[in-house]
Amino acid sequence: MTVPSISEQSLDGAATEEADASPHSAGGPRREIAAPQGYFVVIGSDEARRVCGALQSAGHRVRHLAQPTDEDLRRALAQDLPEGAVAGVAILLDDDVESLRYALAVEHIRPGIKLVVTVFDRTVAEQLVRVVPNCQVTSPAEVAAPVLLAACLQPDLLALSRTSSGHVGARWEKDGVRLETYRPPRSLRYRARLGKIRGQLRPHDGSSRIMLTGLAGLLAVLLADWSWAVTLNHRPPVEAFFEAVRTVAAVGPASAHGSSAYLLFAAFAMLVTIVFTAVFTAGMVDRLLAPRSIGMVGPRALPRAGHVVVVGLGQVGLRLCTRLQDLGIGVIAVERDPAAPNLRLAKALGVPVLIADATDRFVLRKLSLHTAQAMAAVASDDLDNIAVAVAARAVAPDLRVVIRAGDHEAIAETQSLFRIGTVHDLGSLSAAYTTASLTGLRPRGVLAHGRRLWVEHGGGTFTPWPHALRCDHQPDAA
């Protein structure tokens, strides 16, 4: 479906200017509607500064609070403010507990007020909406996941969202954004399936290799003894298997059947199995005692082709991994912190996680980057993501690299030197979603095309949205 026109919306100043500059808007003169200015209260730090700046640029009045007390909230939400009635409140914090506390406090002071709250945990979000129906819950990870997912799969996809009937992709055409039902190409699905099969019983660490070596040695001795007993000693297969198991168990054959050569072989095999048993036991004990998030068989085995490497297992990384799994694409998560809070959840979801430093080229080579579909560097630190992208380019120059970025100057400086990958500013995406929610839209998502942002809302239509500049004032301490 092609977007026919650019909608009018209440973020009148900056959005109207962006829409007029767009060559892809519908033909004919567009009627500008001057929306009344509102008074908003924004609570938070980094993302809140973007939202505050976007509202200010549109002519709205904003009260920006960092970590207000209850008395500060009462003064900011007072009914008889000279600025007028409060049009909405945005609570944009990284801590779900703090967000929940402020949301309940605002609802207590001003029941029924328009409220937009950032909450990462889905259970907390569901309970908050149930208790405060006028609250709209958002998460930067949920907003960014469709954009990052699309960038990992195809360069011309702008976003890829899940619906009740399947996946819907957004593509850019000369006359606007087009939505279409999406299914991964057959070649990609074949490579991903083959990569999962190739990853079975392919150990990636020393202890796993030791354990498999010992197990392979024991099985080899068992098969050799059974074959000798059946072919040369003409023993029944079941009885020969019983004799072979006794040899592997180092208790010897039940009776001295066979030639002297077989007896020498059995004696030597029992000595060898002692070594193989020790090797197998050492590897098994190490795997049982050490915390591991990668299996040798099953869904948590490392895929070897057609997969996506996700560096950083925060909220963004975990959601990206689960979205890729929904599409049948193999995924490997790399996390530096062995005590990361999402490790147990990733293990429960069947996501293989390698605990390592992704800037190490030796680590990257173990991830089969040359046969991977893409790599997404989505850690919370921009400089770490740049370092990972540069290291990945050195290992696999043709690899598609997707980078989560913010406003750090190093991103622009590095891009000016050479193309390191597809960069998406999650702060701008989340700020656009929040601002659209505050100013009257019920956004379904935000996508980026070049330097442009587009907000999706009802009916599958898209509205061009300005990039949010941070406000030029410090948040009020009180």
Foldseek 3Di string as FASTA:
>chain_A
DFFAAFDAFALQQPQVVVRVPDPQGHDDDDDGDHHDAAEEEEEDPDLSLLLCQSSVNSPHHYAYAYQDDLVVLCVSQPCPDPSHHHQEYEYEYPDQVSQLVVVVSNCVNPPPHQYETEHLDPVSVVVSCVVRVNYHYDHLLVQCQQQLLQLLQDPQWFGWDADPVGIWTWGADSNHIDIDHDARDPVLLVFQVVQQVVLAQPDLDDLSVLQVQLVVLLVVQLVVQLCCCCPPLVDPSVLSSVQSVCLLVLNHGPDPGDDPVSVVSSNVSSVVSVVSVVSNVSSVVVVVPDDFLADNDDLRGQGQASAEEEEAPDSNSVSNCVVCVVSNHRYEYEYQDPVDPCSVVCSVVSHGYHHDQLLDLVVVVSNNQQRYSAYEYEHPDQVSQQSNLVSSCVNHVPHAYEYEDAPDPVVVVVVVVDNSHHYDDSSQQVSQCVSSSSRDFNFPHWTDDVQWIWTAGPPRHIHIDHGGDGHPDDNDND
